[in-house]
Protein backbone atom coordinates (compact mmCIF):
# COMPACT_ATOMS: atom_id res chain seq x y z
CA MET A 1 0.00 0.00 0.00
CA PRO A 2 1.38 3.46 -0.86
CA THR A 3 2.28 5.55 2.18
CA LEU A 4 2.45 9.28 2.73
CA ASP A 5 5.75 10.98 3.55
CA TRP A 6 6.40 14.46 4.86
CA ILE A 7 9.14 16.48 6.56
CA GLY A 8 9.18 15.53 10.24
CA LYS A 9 7.51 12.13 9.85
CA LYS A 10 10.49 10.20 11.21
CA ALA A 11 10.41 12.30 14.37
CA VAL A 12 6.72 11.68 15.13
CA ILE A 13 6.14 8.16 13.87
CA ASN A 14 6.82 6.67 17.32
CA HIS A 15 6.20 9.80 19.35
CA ASP A 16 3.04 8.41 20.97
CA LYS A 17 5.28 5.92 22.84
CA GLU A 18 7.52 8.73 24.10
CA VAL A 19 4.80 10.90 25.66
CA PRO A 20 5.15 10.60 29.45
CA PHE A 21 2.27 9.51 31.63
CA HIS A 22 0.73 12.36 33.62
CA LEU A 23 -1.61 12.22 36.58
CA LEU A 24 -5.27 13.20 36.26
CA ARG A 25 -6.79 15.39 38.95
CA CYS A 26 -10.55 15.93 39.39
CA ASP A 27 -11.74 19.48 40.10
CA ASP A 28 -14.89 19.02 42.18
CA LYS A 29 -15.77 22.72 41.95
CA LEU A 30 -16.07 22.58 38.17
CA SER A 31 -17.72 19.15 38.05
CA VAL A 32 -21.48 19.12 37.51
CA GLY A 33 -24.36 16.75 38.24
CA ASP A 34 -23.97 13.09 39.08
CA PRO A 35 -20.28 12.39 39.82
CA GLU A 36 -20.86 8.69 39.09
CA SER A 37 -22.22 9.28 35.58
CA GLY A 38 -18.93 8.11 34.09
CA ASN A 39 -18.55 11.24 31.95
CA LEU A 40 -15.24 13.14 31.86
CA LEU A 41 -14.21 16.56 30.57
CA VAL A 42 -10.41 16.81 30.57
CA GLN A 43 -8.72 20.18 30.16
CA GLY A 44 -5.20 19.95 28.78
CA ASP A 45 -3.07 19.13 25.76
CA ASN A 46 -4.85 16.28 24.04
CA LEU A 47 -1.65 14.36 23.30
CA VAL A 48 -0.67 14.29 26.98
CA ALA A 49 -4.28 13.78 28.09
CA LEU A 50 -4.76 10.82 25.76
CA LYS A 51 -1.64 9.13 27.13
CA ALA A 52 -2.88 9.69 30.69
CA LEU A 53 -6.34 8.34 29.83
CA LEU A 54 -4.93 5.16 28.29
CA THR A 55 -4.48 3.63 31.74
CA HIS A 56 -8.24 3.96 32.24
CA TYR A 57 -9.83 3.45 28.82
CA ALA A 58 -7.49 1.53 26.48
CA GLY A 59 -9.49 -0.94 24.38
CA GLN A 60 -12.81 0.20 25.88
CA VAL A 61 -14.10 2.96 23.57
CA LYS A 62 -16.74 2.01 21.00
CA CYS A 63 -16.95 5.28 19.06
CA ILE A 64 -14.48 8.14 18.60
CA TYR A 65 -15.50 11.36 16.91
CA ILE A 66 -13.01 14.19 16.42
CA ASP A 67 -13.22 17.53 14.67
CA PRO A 68 -9.56 18.62 14.37
CA PRO A 69 -8.40 21.93 12.91
CA TYR A 70 -8.96 21.87 9.16
CA ASN A 71 -5.65 23.65 8.49
CA THR A 72 -7.27 26.25 6.27
CA GLY A 73 -4.61 28.86 7.06
CA ASN A 74 -7.02 31.02 9.05
CA GLU A 75 -5.17 32.16 12.20
CA ASN A 76 -7.95 34.39 13.53
CA TRP A 77 -10.41 31.68 14.53
CA THR A 78 -11.01 30.66 18.12
CA TYR A 79 -8.86 27.66 17.24
CA ASN A 80 -5.72 28.62 15.37
CA ASP A 81 -6.36 26.81 12.09
CA ALA A 82 -2.89 27.16 10.58
CA VAL A 83 -1.25 24.80 13.11
CA ASN A 84 0.81 27.84 14.05
CA SER A 85 -0.12 28.57 17.65
CA PRO A 86 2.76 29.26 20.09
CA GLU A 87 2.05 25.91 21.79
CA MET A 88 2.24 24.03 18.50
CA ARG A 89 5.43 25.81 17.40
CA ASP A 90 7.04 24.99 20.75
CA TRP A 91 5.99 21.32 20.51
CA LEU A 92 7.23 20.97 16.93
CA GLY A 93 10.57 22.52 17.89
CA LYS A 94 11.07 20.01 20.70
CA VAL A 95 9.88 16.91 18.83
CA VAL A 96 10.95 17.56 15.24
CA GLY A 97 14.04 19.64 16.00
CA HIS A 98 15.73 21.90 13.47
CA GLU A 99 13.63 20.41 10.64
CA ALA A 100 10.64 22.23 12.12
CA GLU A 101 11.94 25.43 10.49
CA ASP A 102 11.38 23.88 7.04
CA LEU A 103 7.90 22.48 7.68
CA SER A 104 5.06 23.61 5.46
CA ARG A 105 1.61 24.13 6.94
CA HIS A 106 0.66 20.64 5.76
CA ASP A 107 3.80 19.07 7.28
CA LYS A 108 2.94 20.65 10.63
CA TRP A 109 -0.62 19.42 10.48
CA LEU A 110 0.49 15.85 9.77
CA CYS A 111 3.08 16.00 12.55
CA MET A 112 0.30 17.10 14.89
CA MET A 113 -2.22 14.48 13.77
CA TYR A 114 -0.10 11.34 13.43
CA PRO A 115 0.75 10.62 17.11
CA ARG A 116 -2.76 11.58 18.20
CA LEU A 117 -4.30 9.09 15.76
CA CYS A 118 -1.88 6.42 17.00
CA LEU A 119 -3.02 6.99 20.57
CA LEU A 120 -6.70 7.13 19.62
CA ARG A 121 -6.43 3.75 17.92
CA GLN A 122 -5.36 2.20 21.23
CA PHE A 123 -8.62 3.33 22.87
CA LEU A 124 -10.89 1.56 20.40
CA ARG A 125 -12.56 -1.74 21.15
CA ASP A 126 -12.09 -4.43 18.53
CA ASP A 127 -15.62 -3.59 17.35
CA GLY A 128 -15.05 0.16 17.57
CA ALA A 129 -14.70 2.88 14.93
CA ILE A 130 -13.38 6.43 14.57
CA PHE A 131 -15.09 9.26 12.67
CA VAL A 132 -13.09 12.37 11.70
CA SER A 133 -14.52 15.61 10.30
CA ILE A 134 -12.43 17.36 7.66
CA ASP A 135 -12.73 19.52 4.54
CA ASP A 136 -10.94 19.57 1.19
CA THR A 137 -7.78 21.19 2.60
CA GLU A 138 -6.48 18.01 4.26
CA PHE A 139 -8.97 15.39 3.10
CA TYR A 140 -6.52 13.38 1.01
CA THR A 141 -3.68 13.56 3.53
CA LEU A 142 -6.05 12.55 6.35
CA ARG A 143 -7.35 9.62 4.31
CA ALA A 144 -3.79 8.43 3.62
CA VAL A 145 -2.45 8.82 7.15
CA MET A 146 -5.49 7.09 8.67
CA ALA A 147 -4.97 4.17 6.29
CA GLU A 148 -1.41 3.93 7.58
CA VAL A 149 -2.44 4.03 11.25
CA PHE A 150 -5.61 1.91 11.11
CA GLY A 151 -4.91 -0.19 8.00
CA GLU A 152 -6.45 0.31 4.57
CA VAL A 153 -8.51 -2.85 5.08
CA ASN A 154 -10.29 -1.06 7.92
CA PHE A 155 -11.50 1.90 5.87
CA LEU A 156 -15.28 2.10 6.24
CA CYS A 157 -16.65 5.06 4.37
CA THR A 158 -16.28 8.75 3.61
CA PHE A 159 -19.53 10.38 4.61
CA ILE A 160 -20.47 13.69 3.04
CA TRP A 161 -22.09 16.27 5.32
CA GLN A 162 -24.10 19.06 3.71
CA HIS A 163 -23.05 21.75 6.18
CA SER A 164 -24.67 24.65 4.37
CA VAL A 165 -27.62 25.38 2.13
CA GLN A 166 -26.64 29.00 1.59
CA PRO A 167 -24.95 30.23 -1.62
CA LYS A 168 -21.55 30.91 -0.07
CA GLY A 169 -18.16 29.29 0.23
CA TYR A 170 -17.03 29.31 -3.38
CA SER A 171 -13.98 27.50 -4.76
CA GLY A 172 -13.45 28.75 -8.30
CA THR A 173 -16.85 28.51 -9.91
CA VAL A 174 -18.09 25.67 -7.70
CA SER A 175 -20.19 26.37 -4.62
CA VAL A 176 -18.90 24.29 -1.72
CA HIS A 177 -21.64 23.17 0.66
CA HIS A 178 -20.10 20.08 2.20
CA ASN A 179 -17.44 18.66 4.51
CA TYR A 180 -16.41 15.06 4.99
CA VAL A 181 -16.50 12.56 7.85
CA VAL A 182 -13.85 9.89 7.29
CA ALA A 183 -14.56 6.61 9.09
CA PHE A 184 -12.19 3.74 9.94
CA ARG A 185 -12.74 0.71 12.17
CA ARG A 186 -10.32 -0.96 14.58
CA SER A 187 -10.97 -4.39 13.08
CA GLN A 188 -13.46 -6.27 10.96
CA LYS A 189 -15.55 -6.94 14.06
CA PHE A 190 -17.14 -3.50 13.66
CA VAL A 191 -20.59 -3.45 12.05
CA PHE A 192 -22.65 -0.33 11.42
CA ASN A 193 -25.61 -0.34 13.76
CA ASP A 194 -28.11 0.14 10.94
CA LEU A 195 -26.99 -3.20 9.55
CA LYS A 196 -26.48 -4.88 12.91
CA ARG A 197 -29.96 -4.01 14.12
CA ARG A 198 -31.49 -5.58 11.03
CA GLU A 199 -29.40 -8.75 11.46
CA GLU A 200 -29.86 -9.06 15.23
CA HIS A 201 -33.49 -8.04 15.54
CA ASN A 202 -34.79 -9.32 12.18
CA VAL A 203 -36.48 -6.06 11.26
CA HIS A 204 -39.45 -6.92 9.06
CA TYR A 205 -39.80 -5.26 5.67
CA SER A 206 -42.98 -5.64 3.66
CA ASN A 207 -44.81 -3.81 0.89
CA PRO A 208 -48.50 -3.59 1.87
CA ASP A 209 -49.28 -0.81 -0.63
CA LYS A 210 -47.27 -2.39 -3.48
CA ASP A 211 -44.87 0.57 -3.63
CA PRO A 212 -42.81 0.19 -6.84
CA ARG A 213 -39.68 1.10 -4.85
CA GLY A 214 -40.00 -2.22 -3.03
CA PRO A 215 -40.35 -3.48 0.58
CA TRP A 216 -40.28 -0.91 3.38
CA ARG A 217 -40.73 -0.55 7.12
CA SER A 218 -42.18 2.29 9.17
CA GLY A 219 -39.98 5.13 10.39
CA ASP A 220 -40.38 8.28 12.45
CA VAL A 221 -41.14 11.75 11.07
CA ARG A 222 -40.39 13.56 14.33
CA ASN A 223 -37.19 15.56 14.75
CA ALA A 224 -34.69 14.58 17.46
CA LEU A 225 -33.52 18.15 18.12
CA TYR A 226 -35.66 21.26 18.56
CA ARG A 227 -35.35 23.52 15.51
CA PRO A 228 -37.73 26.50 15.15
CA ASN A 229 -37.90 26.28 11.35
CA LEU A 230 -39.36 22.76 11.63
CA ILE A 231 -42.31 23.85 13.76
CA TYR A 232 -45.31 24.17 11.43
CA ASP A 233 -48.81 22.76 10.97
CA LEU A 234 -49.15 19.91 8.49
CA VAL A 235 -52.21 19.68 6.26
CA THR A 236 -53.12 16.12 5.23
CA PRO A 237 -54.47 15.23 1.76
CA SER A 238 -58.04 15.35 3.14
CA GLY A 239 -57.49 18.83 4.62
CA LYS A 240 -57.00 17.78 8.25
CA ILE A 241 -54.58 19.99 10.20
CA ILE A 242 -51.96 18.16 12.31
CA LYS A 243 -49.98 20.10 14.91
CA PRO A 244 -46.18 19.59 14.96
CA PRO A 245 -44.47 17.35 17.55
CA PRO A 246 -42.62 19.16 20.41
CA LYS A 247 -39.27 19.35 18.55
CA GLY A 248 -40.73 19.79 15.09
CA TRP A 249 -40.92 17.63 12.01
CA ARG A 250 -37.93 15.76 10.61
CA TRP A 251 -37.82 17.83 7.42
CA SER A 252 -38.61 21.31 6.19
CA LYS A 253 -42.17 22.10 5.09
CA ALA A 254 -41.32 21.89 1.40
CA THR A 255 -39.55 18.56 1.82
CA MET A 256 -42.40 17.09 3.88
CA TYR A 257 -44.97 17.92 1.23
CA ARG A 258 -42.71 16.60 -1.53
CA LYS A 259 -42.32 13.30 0.31
CA ILE A 260 -46.08 13.11 0.84
CA GLU A 261 -46.66 13.75 -2.87
CA ASP A 262 -44.05 11.10 -3.79
CA GLY A 263 -45.70 8.55 -1.50
CA GLU A 264 -42.66 8.30 0.76
CA ILE A 265 -44.74 9.62 3.67
CA VAL A 266 -48.18 8.08 4.11
CA PHE A 267 -51.05 8.41 6.59
CA ARG A 268 -52.66 5.57 8.56
CA SER A 269 -55.60 5.15 10.99
CA ASN A 270 -57.82 7.88 9.52
CA GLU A 271 -54.79 10.18 9.24
CA GLU A 272 -54.03 9.90 12.97
CA ARG A 273 -50.68 8.21 12.30
CA ILE A 274 -47.97 9.50 9.98
CA VAL A 275 -45.50 6.95 8.61
CA ARG A 276 -42.18 7.51 6.90
CA LYS A 277 -41.10 4.69 4.60
CA ILE A 278 -37.60 3.26 5.10
CA TYR A 279 -36.89 1.16 2.06
CA LEU A 280 -35.00 -2.12 2.21
CA ALA A 281 -33.09 -1.12 -0.92
CA ASP A 282 -31.62 1.85 1.00
CA GLN A 283 -30.51 -0.39 3.86
CA THR A 284 -28.49 -2.95 1.93
CA GLY A 285 -24.71 -3.01 2.35
CA ARG A 286 -24.26 0.22 4.33
CA PRO A 287 -26.18 2.74 6.45
CA ALA A 288 -28.96 4.45 4.56
CA GLU A 289 -27.39 7.90 4.68
CA SER A 290 -23.83 7.85 3.37
CA ILE A 291 -24.66 11.48 2.66
CA PHE A 292 -25.66 13.44 5.74
CA PHE A 293 -28.20 15.86 4.32
CA ALA A 294 -28.70 19.20 6.05
CA GLU A 295 -32.41 18.54 6.52
CA ASP A 296 -31.56 15.39 8.51
CA VAL A 297 -28.53 16.36 10.62
CA GLY A 298 -28.47 20.15 10.60
CA THR A 299 -26.02 22.76 9.31
CA THR A 300 -23.29 25.00 10.69
CA ARG A 301 -25.85 27.79 10.82
CA GLU A 302 -28.16 25.65 12.95
CA ALA A 303 -25.22 24.67 15.18
CA ASN A 304 -24.60 28.38 15.73
CA GLN A 305 -28.26 28.78 16.69
CA GLU A 306 -27.91 25.98 19.23
CA LEU A 307 -25.08 27.89 20.89
CA LYS A 308 -27.08 31.12 20.75
CA ASN A 309 -29.90 29.38 22.61
CA ILE A 310 -27.46 28.30 25.31
CA PHE A 311 -25.29 31.43 25.56
CA SER A 312 -27.98 34.15 25.40
CA GLY A 313 -27.52 35.06 21.77
CA SER A 314 -23.73 34.86 21.49
CA VAL A 315 -21.76 32.27 19.52
CA PRO A 316 -18.58 31.73 21.55
CA PHE A 317 -17.09 29.13 19.19
CA ASP A 318 -16.32 29.14 15.48
CA THR A 319 -17.94 26.59 13.16
CA PRO A 320 -19.48 24.27 15.77
CA LYS A 321 -21.11 21.03 14.70
CA PRO A 322 -24.87 20.52 15.14
CA VAL A 323 -25.98 18.04 17.81
CA ALA A 324 -28.02 16.12 15.24
CA LEU A 325 -24.87 15.36 13.19
CA ILE A 326 -23.16 13.74 16.18
CA ARG A 327 -26.42 12.01 17.10
CA ARG A 328 -26.39 10.39 13.66
CA ILE A 329 -22.80 9.22 14.14
CA LEU A 330 -23.72 7.79 17.55
CA GLN A 331 -26.71 6.07 15.97
CA ILE A 332 -24.60 4.22 13.42
CA GLY A 333 -21.38 3.80 15.42
CA ALA A 334 -22.12 3.55 19.16
CA ASP A 335 -24.15 1.21 21.33
CA PRO A 336 -26.56 2.48 24.04
CA ASP A 337 -24.11 1.46 26.78
CA SER A 338 -20.81 2.39 25.13
CA ILE A 339 -18.03 4.92 25.77
CA VAL A 340 -17.75 7.78 23.26
CA MET A 341 -14.53 9.82 22.99
CA ASP A 342 -13.75 13.23 21.50
CA SER A 343 -10.22 14.61 21.93
CA PHE A 344 -10.97 17.91 20.13
CA ALA A 345 -14.01 18.76 22.25
CA GLY A 346 -14.41 22.42 21.29
CA SER A 347 -17.87 23.62 22.24
CA GLY A 348 -18.83 20.20 23.68
CA THR A 349 -21.26 19.07 20.99
CA THR A 350 -20.26 15.40 21.37
CA GLY A 351 -20.99 15.42 25.09
CA HIS A 352 -24.29 17.20 24.51
CA ALA A 353 -25.25 14.60 21.89
CA VAL A 354 -24.45 11.73 24.27
CA LEU A 355 -26.59 13.26 27.03
CA GLU A 356 -29.46 13.86 24.62
CA ALA A 357 -29.29 10.33 23.20
CA ASN A 358 -29.37 8.84 26.73
CA LYS A 359 -32.35 11.00 27.65
CA GLU A 360 -34.27 9.89 24.57
CA ASP A 361 -33.71 6.13 24.68
CA GLY A 362 -32.67 5.48 28.30
CA GLY A 363 -29.14 4.51 27.29
CA THR A 364 -26.08 4.67 29.51
CA ARG A 365 -23.54 6.02 27.02
CA ARG A 366 -20.58 7.80 28.61
CA PHE A 367 -18.40 10.51 27.09
CA VAL A 368 -14.71 11.29 27.50
CA LEU A 369 -13.89 14.74 26.12
CA VAL A 370 -10.54 16.54 25.95
CA GLU A 371 -10.22 20.27 25.34
CA LEU A 372 -6.81 21.91 24.99
CA ASP A 373 -7.68 25.58 25.48
CA GLU A 374 -8.27 26.39 29.16
CA GLN A 375 -10.33 29.47 28.39
CA ILE A 376 -12.61 27.61 25.94
CA CYS A 377 -12.93 24.64 28.27
CA LYS A 378 -13.97 26.75 31.27
CA THR A 379 -16.12 29.34 29.49
CA VAL A 380 -17.68 27.32 26.65
CA THR A 381 -17.33 23.53 26.90
CA ALA A 382 -18.05 23.10 30.60
CA PRO A 383 -20.89 25.69 30.76
CA ARG A 384 -22.56 24.16 27.72
CA LEU A 385 -22.43 20.67 29.23
CA SER A 386 -23.61 22.06 32.56
CA LYS A 387 -26.66 23.68 30.97
CA ALA A 388 -27.38 20.48 29.05
CA VAL A 389 -27.30 18.50 32.30
CA LEU A 390 -29.23 20.94 34.50
CA GLY A 391 -31.47 22.72 32.00
CA GLY A 392 -33.32 25.86 33.07
CA SER A 393 -34.55 29.18 31.69
CA GLN A 394 -32.30 31.07 29.32
CA THR A 395 -32.57 34.63 28.01
CA LYS A 396 -32.68 34.75 24.22
CA ALA A 397 -30.98 37.38 22.10
CA ASN A 398 -34.31 39.11 21.41
CA GLY A 399 -35.06 39.37 25.12
CA GLY A 400 -37.48 36.46 25.31
CA MET A 401 -37.04 33.36 27.41
CA LEU A 402 -36.13 29.86 26.28
CA GLU A 403 -36.62 26.81 28.46
CA LEU A 404 -33.69 24.39 28.12
CA PRO A 405 -34.65 20.80 29.00
CA ALA A 406 -32.63 19.08 31.73
CA LEU A 407 -30.98 16.02 30.20
CA SER A 408 -29.71 14.80 33.61
CA GLY A 409 -26.45 12.92 34.09
CA GLY A 410 -23.31 14.89 34.87
CA PHE A 411 -19.56 15.03 34.31
CA ARG A 412 -16.30 15.27 36.20
CA PHE A 413 -14.00 18.17 35.29
CA VAL A 414 -10.45 16.83 35.17
CA THR A 415 -7.11 18.57 34.72
CA LEU A 416 -3.64 17.22 33.96
CA GLY A 417 -1.36 16.96 36.96
CA GLU A 418 2.38 16.48 37.08
CA PRO A 419 4.10 13.61 35.26
CA LEU A 420 4.16 10.33 37.14
CA PHE A 421 7.95 10.45 37.14
CA ASP A 422 10.33 13.39 37.69
CA GLU A 423 13.17 14.33 35.38
CA THR A 424 15.52 11.81 37.07
CA GLY A 425 13.12 8.90 36.54
CA ASN A 426 12.00 8.69 40.16
CA ILE A 427 8.35 8.51 41.16
CA ARG A 428 7.12 11.87 42.40
CA ALA A 429 6.54 12.22 46.12
CA ASP A 430 2.89 13.19 45.73
CA VAL A 431 1.97 10.09 43.72
CA ARG A 432 -0.75 8.05 45.43
CA PHE A 433 -1.04 4.28 45.47
CA ALA A 434 -4.02 4.41 43.11
CA ASP A 435 -2.04 6.52 40.60
CA LEU A 436 0.91 4.14 40.44
CA ALA A 437 -1.38 1.08 40.53
CA ALA A 438 -3.22 2.23 37.40
CA HIS A 439 0.07 2.88 35.63
CA VAL A 440 1.77 -0.37 36.68
CA PHE A 441 -1.19 -2.55 35.72
CA PHE A 442 -1.55 -0.88 32.33
CA VAL A 443 2.13 -1.08 31.30
CA GLU A 444 2.30 -4.69 32.55
CA THR A 445 -0.87 -5.92 30.85
CA GLY A 446 -1.81 -3.36 28.20
CA VAL A 447 -5.33 -3.03 29.62
CA PRO A 448 -6.79 -0.64 32.21
CA LEU A 449 -6.88 -1.57 35.87
CA PRO A 450 -10.25 -3.16 36.66
CA LYS A 451 -12.40 -1.55 39.32
CA ARG A 452 -11.26 -2.88 42.67
CA LYS A 453 -13.66 -3.81 45.46
CA ASN A 454 -10.88 -3.51 48.05
CA GLY A 455 -8.51 -0.59 47.65
CA ARG A 456 -6.36 -1.69 50.59
CA THR A 457 -4.78 -4.75 49.02
CA PRO A 458 -1.52 -4.99 47.05
CA LEU A 459 -3.18 -7.39 44.60
CA LEU A 460 -4.19 -5.17 41.68
CA GLY A 461 -5.78 -7.93 39.63
CA ALA A 462 -4.98 -10.72 37.21
CA HIS A 463 -4.68 -10.69 33.44
CA ASN A 464 -4.26 -13.79 31.27
CA GLY A 465 -3.66 -15.84 34.41
CA VAL A 466 -0.90 -13.57 35.77
CA ALA A 467 -1.50 -11.70 39.06
CA ILE A 468 -0.03 -8.20 39.48
CA TYR A 469 0.95 -6.96 42.97
CA LEU A 470 2.19 -3.52 44.06
CA LEU A 471 4.06 -2.82 47.31
CA PHE A 472 3.98 0.96 47.60
CA ASN A 473 3.12 3.70 50.11
CA GLY A 474 2.71 1.22 52.96
CA ILE A 475 -0.22 -0.60 51.36
CA LEU A 476 0.23 -3.41 53.91
CA GLY A 477 -0.01 -0.99 56.82
CA ASP A 478 3.72 -0.57 57.51
CA LYS A 479 4.60 3.06 56.90
CA THR A 480 8.35 2.77 57.61
CA PRO A 481 10.62 3.59 54.64
CA GLN A 482 11.45 -0.05 53.90
CA GLY A 483 8.84 -2.11 55.68
CA GLY A 484 5.86 -3.22 53.65
CA ASN A 485 7.36 -2.00 50.37
CA VAL A 486 10.03 -4.72 50.39
CA LEU A 487 9.31 -8.24 49.23
CA THR A 488 10.42 -10.46 52.09
CA ARG A 489 9.29 -13.96 52.98
CA ALA A 490 7.05 -12.49 55.68
CA VAL A 491 5.45 -10.11 53.16
CA ARG A 492 5.11 -12.92 50.62
CA ASP A 493 3.19 -14.97 53.18
CA VAL A 494 0.55 -12.26 53.67
CA LEU A 495 0.03 -11.45 49.98
CA PRO A 496 -3.43 -12.45 48.70
CA PRO A 497 -3.00 -15.90 47.11
CA HIS A 498 -3.03 -16.59 43.40
CA ASP A 499 -2.71 -19.97 41.71
CA GLY A 500 -0.42 -19.07 38.85
CA PRO A 501 2.39 -16.69 37.84
CA LYS A 502 2.81 -13.52 39.91
CA VAL A 503 4.50 -10.19 39.16
CA VAL A 504 5.41 -8.17 42.26
CA TYR A 505 6.50 -4.53 42.18
CA GLY A 506 8.37 -3.22 45.23
CA THR A 507 11.32 -1.07 46.31
CA SER A 508 13.58 -4.11 46.87
CA CYS A 509 13.50 -7.88 47.28
CA ARG A 510 15.00 -10.05 50.07
CA ILE A 511 14.09 -13.38 48.45
CA GLY A 512 16.70 -15.13 46.33
CA PRO A 513 16.34 -15.64 42.57
CA GLU A 514 16.01 -19.42 42.85
CA ARG A 515 13.22 -19.18 45.44
CA LEU A 516 11.41 -16.60 43.26
CA ARG A 517 11.65 -18.95 40.29
CA ARG A 518 10.27 -21.91 42.27
CA GLU A 519 7.37 -19.82 43.53
CA ASN A 520 6.64 -18.45 40.04
CA ILE A 521 7.29 -14.84 41.10
CA THR A 522 8.75 -12.14 38.87
CA PHE A 523 10.02 -9.17 40.89
CA ARG A 524 10.26 -5.68 39.41
CA GLN A 525 12.05 -2.97 41.38
CA ILE A 526 10.49 0.47 41.87
CA PRO A 527 11.33 2.87 40.26
CA TYR A 528 13.96 1.32 37.99
CA GLU A 529 11.81 -1.39 36.43
CA VAL A 530 8.62 0.65 36.18
CA LYS A 531 8.28 1.70 32.58
CA VAL A 532 8.28 5.46 32.28
CA HIS A 533 6.61 5.57 28.85
């Protein structure tokens, strides 16, 4: 398979392995709602944050959606979109070295994206998938670099999103009204939910009215997200007036009447029930909508209106995505009980979409969001999620009042702490047992530490038949500098039993190599044999 090359690639191709593990610290004052909801908003550099989150979520995320900078060259947006912020220049100088002076805008963007994609891949479940928004500027480079990271065989689809219906955004003589969403899977175990639901639940298609377009099943004509332009009375063929549902119809007035005229929308039970036809022919081989039409998933303009409704008429973030677009991605790529990740959180649309989806169908989806910019995170992302959770009355730009529904749930606001290790390779003095335990278990097994019923035991857990123990910070009750953290025969005798191989981390060992071998114990000395990266 052809691969993409650029200046600086050699410096970043393994950089994800070199990023040090940092501690995560919860800020209770900025956390909102139910602290046990399982939702996280992390403020900090997403490369460092992703490495820190690996110890908790590696191999557990079903759906990743990211909306990275499009690299258009615009440096005046809320997000610097020329990959030329002071933070990015500093990072490139450290990682790429003197070559950074020769990097084009596209080289910089690829250097930024490559290690982040490598880390994101490690979060995905075997049946998980990643969806990335992009425009023409970096579409082909993104497609190529994702094929390299995820494997060309795991390419799923390039969705087209109609982000605008206004006559603007010209390229030459062609009016550009779309962006892309590039989708890759972790492995062939991933199946789009539209297809999986039909296979698992045997959705029945029939053709009771002998529609020439073939068998169909009933679908909904209600809209999932409140949009004022979709609130209108519908007049049936017999002249009966039907009031709109609370969030409006699924399509504009003109589109609704066109679908009624075409027979795609029909009326049942003396026009008391409205049915949208979902045709079997549209469901074969892939999700029905490989094109995300504006009337179905919203536009940038409607995303701006969503923010205006939340922030009293202001739009504190450039080019946000509409909630309905992310809802559609969740519908085809996430299960009702899965973890959803977004490492370019921006205005928090992904989190909002997860909360709304859970409210609608009773699901238990959880989100993990990362936002680099502290100001955006504290003044846009977190407030938006807070208002989505708590709801309440909001003043509109025109002075009226808007009632925001409470979606319930909550999130923890998390910041990046210090690295786990200092510059000499020693474990920092403020590191807690739980911090080191999560790190040790992950680097030893490659999977996150399972939730422990007893936090006062040195037995962290077992993976593939091997038990992992940690003697640290007096976990056995002995707080003296050496006692309790040293593997002696007496300590060995009080360790929770395990019938199989054992790996024990401690400051030193007083048991001879031959005895360790006979007892199937591998000893690793802290800090020297604790992997830093």
